[in-house]
Amino acid sequence: MTLLNNATSGLNQASLINRMLVGAGIGLLLITLLLLSVDEPKPEWGKLWMIRPLIIVSLAGAMAG
């Protein structure tokens, strides 16, 4: 248990949150630009097909950050 506490004690929580928000913001911006360029999506995708890529890419950007 002390090894786990020593491993996480060196992290600055504010810095970690800041990096995660920057990564998520960059991912959200890029995927939004790509999704807005779609003129006519396939009808079988449904009306709210853009939500899944927006969520997944933002989460991936936060994890990468």
Protein backbone atom coordinates (compact mmCIF):
# COMPACT_ATOMS: atom_id res chain seq x y z
CA MET A 1 0.00 0.00 0.00
CA THR A 2 2.85 2.39 0.67
CA LEU A 3 4.19 1.83 -2.84
CA LEU A 4 0.89 3.02 -4.31
CA ASN A 5 0.84 6.07 -2.05
CA ASN A 6 4.43 6.95 -2.96
CA ALA A 7 3.71 6.56 -6.68
CA THR A 8 0.76 8.96 -6.68
CA SER A 9 2.11 11.49 -4.23
CA GLY A 10 4.32 13.11 -6.88
CA LEU A 11 1.36 14.06 -9.11
CA ASN A 12 0.06 17.59 -9.01
CA GLN A 13 -3.71 17.27 -9.29
CA ALA A 14 -4.25 20.75 -10.74
CA SER A 15 -1.67 20.12 -13.45
CA LEU A 16 -3.22 16.76 -14.28
CA ILE A 17 -6.70 18.25 -14.62
CA ASN A 18 -5.36 21.09 -16.75
CA ARG A 19 -3.64 18.67 -19.13
CA MET A 20 -6.76 16.52 -19.36
CA LEU A 21 -8.92 19.53 -20.19
CA VAL A 22 -6.50 20.74 -22.85
CA GLY A 23 -6.38 17.28 -24.44
CA ALA A 24 -10.16 16.96 -24.39
CA GLY A 25 -10.55 20.46 -25.83
CA ILE A 26 -8.17 19.78 -28.71
CA GLY A 27 -9.94 16.49 -29.49
CA LEU A 28 -13.35 18.13 -29.32
CA LEU A 29 -12.27 20.96 -31.60
CA LEU A 30 -10.77 18.65 -34.22
CA ILE A 31 -13.67 16.20 -34.31
CA THR A 32 -16.18 19.06 -34.44
CA LEU A 33 -14.44 20.51 -37.48
CA LEU A 34 -14.46 17.11 -39.19
CA LEU A 35 -18.09 16.37 -38.35
CA LEU A 36 -19.32 19.74 -39.54
CA SER A 37 -17.82 19.07 -42.95
CA VAL A 38 -20.25 16.16 -43.55
CA ASP A 39 -22.99 17.25 -45.93
CA GLU A 40 -25.28 14.23 -46.12
CA PRO A 41 -24.70 11.37 -43.69
CA LYS A 42 -26.02 7.89 -44.34
CA PRO A 43 -29.71 7.64 -43.37
CA GLU A 44 -29.18 4.41 -41.41
CA TRP A 45 -26.89 6.25 -38.94
CA GLY A 46 -29.84 8.05 -37.37
CA LYS A 47 -30.41 11.67 -36.40
CA LEU A 48 -27.97 11.89 -33.49
CA TRP A 49 -25.03 10.07 -35.07
CA MET A 50 -22.57 12.88 -34.21
CA ILE A 51 -22.85 12.39 -30.44
CA ARG A 52 -20.81 9.18 -30.23
CA PRO A 53 -17.70 10.53 -32.02
CA LEU A 54 -17.83 13.74 -29.98
CA ILE A 55 -17.88 11.84 -26.68
CA ILE A 56 -15.32 9.17 -27.61
CA VAL A 57 -12.76 11.54 -29.09
CA SER A 58 -13.08 13.96 -26.17
CA LEU A 59 -12.52 11.13 -23.68
CA ALA A 60 -9.56 9.83 -25.67
CA GLY A 61 -8.07 13.32 -25.77
CA ALA A 62 -8.47 13.64 -22.01
CA MET A 63 -6.78 10.30 -21.43
CA ALA A 64 -3.94 11.23 -23.77
CA GLY A 65 -3.51 14.57 -22.01
